[in-house]
N, C-alpha and C. Protein backbone atom coordinates (compact mmCIF):
# COMPACT_ATOMS: atom_id res chain seq x y z
N MET A 1 0.82 -1.16 0.00
CA MET A 1 0.00 0.00 0.00
C MET A 1 0.88 1.24 0.00
N ALA A 2 0.59 2.12 -0.85
CA ALA A 2 1.39 3.33 -0.98
C ALA A 2 0.82 4.43 -0.09
N ASN A 3 1.74 5.22 0.45
CA ASN A 3 1.29 6.38 1.24
C ASN A 3 0.83 7.47 0.29
N SER A 4 -0.34 8.00 0.55
CA SER A 4 -0.85 9.07 -0.30
C SER A 4 -1.41 10.18 0.58
N THR A 5 -1.37 11.35 0.06
CA THR A 5 -1.89 12.51 0.78
C THR A 5 -3.07 13.07 0.00
N ARG A 6 -4.11 13.28 0.73
CA ARG A 6 -5.31 13.81 0.08
C ARG A 6 -5.44 15.28 0.46
N ALA A 7 -5.57 16.12 -0.52
CA ALA A 7 -5.76 17.55 -0.29
C ALA A 7 -7.24 17.87 -0.46
N VAL A 8 -7.78 18.53 0.55
CA VAL A 8 -9.19 18.89 0.50
C VAL A 8 -9.27 20.40 0.29
N ARG A 9 -9.98 20.75 -0.73
CA ARG A 9 -10.14 22.17 -1.02
C ARG A 9 -11.54 22.59 -0.59
N LYS A 10 -11.59 23.62 0.23
CA LYS A 10 -12.88 24.14 0.68
C LYS A 10 -13.24 25.32 -0.21
N THR A 11 -14.40 25.25 -0.74
CA THR A 11 -14.88 26.37 -1.55
C THR A 11 -16.12 26.92 -0.89
N GLY A 12 -16.31 28.18 -0.99
CA GLY A 12 -17.48 28.82 -0.41
C GLY A 12 -17.48 30.29 -0.75
N THR A 13 -18.51 30.91 -0.34
CA THR A 13 -18.61 32.34 -0.57
C THR A 13 -18.74 33.05 0.76
N ALA A 14 -18.18 34.17 0.84
CA ALA A 14 -18.29 35.00 2.04
C ALA A 14 -18.96 36.31 1.64
N VAL A 15 -19.87 36.73 2.46
CA VAL A 15 -20.57 37.98 2.20
C VAL A 15 -19.96 39.04 3.09
N VAL A 16 -19.42 40.03 2.47
CA VAL A 16 -18.83 41.14 3.21
C VAL A 16 -19.58 42.39 2.81
N GLU A 17 -20.17 43.03 3.79
CA GLU A 17 -20.94 44.24 3.52
C GLU A 17 -20.17 45.42 4.07
N LYS A 18 -19.84 46.31 3.20
CA LYS A 18 -19.14 47.51 3.61
C LYS A 18 -20.13 48.65 3.63
N GLY A 19 -20.32 49.22 4.81
CA GLY A 19 -21.24 50.35 4.94
C GLY A 19 -20.47 51.65 4.96
N ASN A 20 -21.08 52.62 4.40
CA ASN A 20 -20.49 53.94 4.40
C ASN A 20 -20.64 54.53 5.80
N VAL A 21 -19.62 55.18 6.29
CA VAL A 21 -19.64 55.71 7.65
C VAL A 21 -20.73 56.76 7.79
N SER A 22 -20.89 57.61 6.81
CA SER A 22 -21.91 58.65 6.92
C SER A 22 -23.31 58.05 6.92
N THR A 23 -23.50 56.94 6.25
CA THR A 23 -24.80 56.27 6.27
C THR A 23 -25.10 55.74 7.66
N GLU A 24 -24.12 55.14 8.30
CA GLU A 24 -24.31 54.61 9.64
C GLU A 24 -24.56 55.72 10.65
N VAL A 25 -23.84 56.82 10.52
CA VAL A 25 -24.04 57.96 11.41
C VAL A 25 -25.43 58.53 11.22
N SER A 26 -25.90 58.57 9.99
CA SER A 26 -27.24 59.07 9.71
C SER A 26 -28.30 58.17 10.34
N LYS A 27 -28.11 56.87 10.26
CA LYS A 27 -29.06 55.94 10.86
C LYS A 27 -29.15 56.14 12.37
N VAL A 28 -27.99 56.28 13.00
CA VAL A 28 -27.96 56.49 14.45
C VAL A 28 -28.61 57.82 14.81
N SER A 29 -28.33 58.85 14.03
CA SER A 29 -28.91 60.17 14.30
C SER A 29 -30.42 60.16 14.16
N ILE A 30 -30.91 59.52 13.11
CA ILE A 30 -32.36 59.46 12.90
C ILE A 30 -33.03 58.67 14.03
N THR A 31 -32.41 57.60 14.44
CA THR A 31 -32.96 56.80 15.54
C THR A 31 -32.99 57.61 16.84
N PHE A 32 -31.93 58.34 17.10
CA PHE A 32 -31.85 59.15 18.32
C PHE A 32 -32.92 60.24 18.31
N VAL A 33 -33.11 60.91 17.19
CA VAL A 33 -34.12 61.96 17.09
C VAL A 33 -35.52 61.37 17.24
N ALA A 34 -35.75 60.20 16.67
CA ALA A 34 -37.05 59.55 16.80
C ALA A 34 -37.34 59.18 18.26
N ILE A 35 -36.35 58.68 18.96
CA ILE A 35 -36.53 58.32 20.37
C ILE A 35 -36.83 59.57 21.20
N LEU A 36 -36.12 60.65 20.92
CA LEU A 36 -36.40 61.90 21.64
C LEU A 36 -37.80 62.41 21.34
N GLY A 37 -38.24 62.28 20.10
CA GLY A 37 -39.60 62.70 19.74
C GLY A 37 -40.65 61.91 20.49
N VAL A 38 -40.43 60.61 20.60
CA VAL A 38 -41.37 59.77 21.36
C VAL A 38 -41.37 60.16 22.83
N ALA A 39 -40.19 60.44 23.37
CA ALA A 39 -40.09 60.83 24.78
C ALA A 39 -40.84 62.14 25.03
N VAL A 40 -40.71 63.11 24.14
CA VAL A 40 -41.41 64.38 24.28
C VAL A 40 -42.92 64.17 24.19
N GLY A 41 -43.35 63.31 23.28
CA GLY A 41 -44.77 63.01 23.15
C GLY A 41 -45.35 62.36 24.39
N VAL A 42 -44.63 61.40 24.96
CA VAL A 42 -45.09 60.73 26.18
C VAL A 42 -45.14 61.73 27.34
N TRP A 43 -44.13 62.59 27.42
CA TRP A 43 -44.09 63.60 28.49
C TRP A 43 -45.27 64.56 28.36
N SER A 44 -45.57 65.02 27.16
CA SER A 44 -46.69 65.95 26.98
C SER A 44 -48.02 65.28 27.30
N LEU A 45 -48.17 64.02 26.92
CA LEU A 45 -49.40 63.30 27.26
C LEU A 45 -49.53 63.15 28.77
N ALA A 46 -48.45 62.86 29.45
CA ALA A 46 -48.49 62.75 30.91
C ALA A 46 -48.85 64.08 31.56
N CYS A 47 -48.35 65.18 31.01
CA CYS A 47 -48.68 66.50 31.55
C CYS A 47 -50.15 66.84 31.34
N ILE A 48 -50.68 66.50 30.19
CA ILE A 48 -52.10 66.78 29.93
C ILE A 48 -52.98 65.94 30.85
N VAL A 49 -52.65 64.67 31.02
CA VAL A 49 -53.44 63.81 31.92
C VAL A 49 -53.34 64.33 33.35
N GLY A 50 -52.16 64.74 33.77
CA GLY A 50 -52.01 65.31 35.11
C GLY A 50 -52.82 66.58 35.30
N GLY A 51 -52.85 67.43 34.27
CA GLY A 51 -53.66 68.64 34.34
C GLY A 51 -55.14 68.34 34.39
N LEU A 52 -55.56 67.35 33.63
CA LEU A 52 -56.98 66.94 33.67
C LEU A 52 -57.37 66.45 35.06
N ILE A 53 -56.50 65.67 35.66
CA ILE A 53 -56.79 65.13 36.99
C ILE A 53 -56.80 66.25 38.02
N ALA A 54 -55.83 67.16 37.94
CA ALA A 54 -55.74 68.25 38.91
C ALA A 54 -56.91 69.23 38.77
N SER A 55 -57.41 69.41 37.55
CA SER A 55 -58.51 70.36 37.32
C SER A 55 -59.86 69.78 37.71
N GLY A 56 -60.00 68.51 37.65
CA GLY A 56 -61.27 67.91 37.99
C GLY A 56 -62.07 67.43 36.80
N GLY A 57 -61.56 67.55 35.62
CA GLY A 57 -62.28 67.08 34.43
C GLY A 57 -61.90 67.90 33.22
N PRO A 58 -62.37 67.46 32.05
CA PRO A 58 -61.97 68.16 30.83
C PRO A 58 -62.53 69.57 30.70
N LEU A 59 -63.75 69.80 31.15
CA LEU A 59 -64.33 71.15 31.04
C LEU A 59 -63.62 72.13 31.97
N GLN A 60 -63.34 71.70 33.18
CA GLN A 60 -62.61 72.55 34.11
C GLN A 60 -61.18 72.79 33.62
N PHE A 61 -60.61 71.78 32.98
CA PHE A 61 -59.26 71.91 32.43
C PHE A 61 -59.21 73.01 31.38
N VAL A 62 -60.17 72.99 30.47
CA VAL A 62 -60.21 74.01 29.41
C VAL A 62 -60.48 75.38 30.01
N GLY A 63 -61.38 75.44 30.97
CA GLY A 63 -61.67 76.72 31.62
C GLY A 63 -60.45 77.28 32.34
N ASN A 64 -59.76 76.42 33.07
CA ASN A 64 -58.55 76.87 33.78
C ASN A 64 -57.45 77.27 32.80
N TRP A 65 -57.38 76.59 31.66
CA TRP A 65 -56.38 76.95 30.66
C TRP A 65 -56.64 78.34 30.11
N PHE A 66 -57.92 78.64 29.79
CA PHE A 66 -58.25 79.98 29.29
C PHE A 66 -58.00 81.05 30.35
N LYS A 67 -58.28 80.74 31.61
CA LYS A 67 -58.01 81.69 32.69
C LYS A 67 -56.50 81.95 32.80
N ALA A 68 -55.70 80.91 32.66
CA ALA A 68 -54.25 81.08 32.78
C ALA A 68 -53.69 81.86 31.61
N VAL A 69 -54.20 81.62 30.41
CA VAL A 69 -53.69 82.31 29.22
C VAL A 69 -54.12 83.77 29.21
N SER A 70 -55.36 84.02 29.60
CA SER A 70 -55.86 85.40 29.55
C SER A 70 -55.42 86.21 30.76
N GLY A 71 -55.00 85.57 31.84
CA GLY A 71 -54.51 86.28 33.01
C GLY A 71 -55.61 86.64 33.98
N MET A 72 -56.73 86.03 33.90
CA MET A 72 -57.86 86.33 34.80
C MET A 72 -57.71 85.62 36.10
């Protein structure tokens, strides 16, 4: 029996995705601004609900708002 060496060749494909740095920075910036927008929206909703509760209802809330704006 003769000594033989078997060479195994591996073939395949590799997917390499190169992203542009400015594109990635833009994605992060847009995400950050969107998160801040949601936070401001939640905060404003919480303030309106708190004002409604403190005023005693929606009609009193509107009345108190007009009194505060007009200075009465």
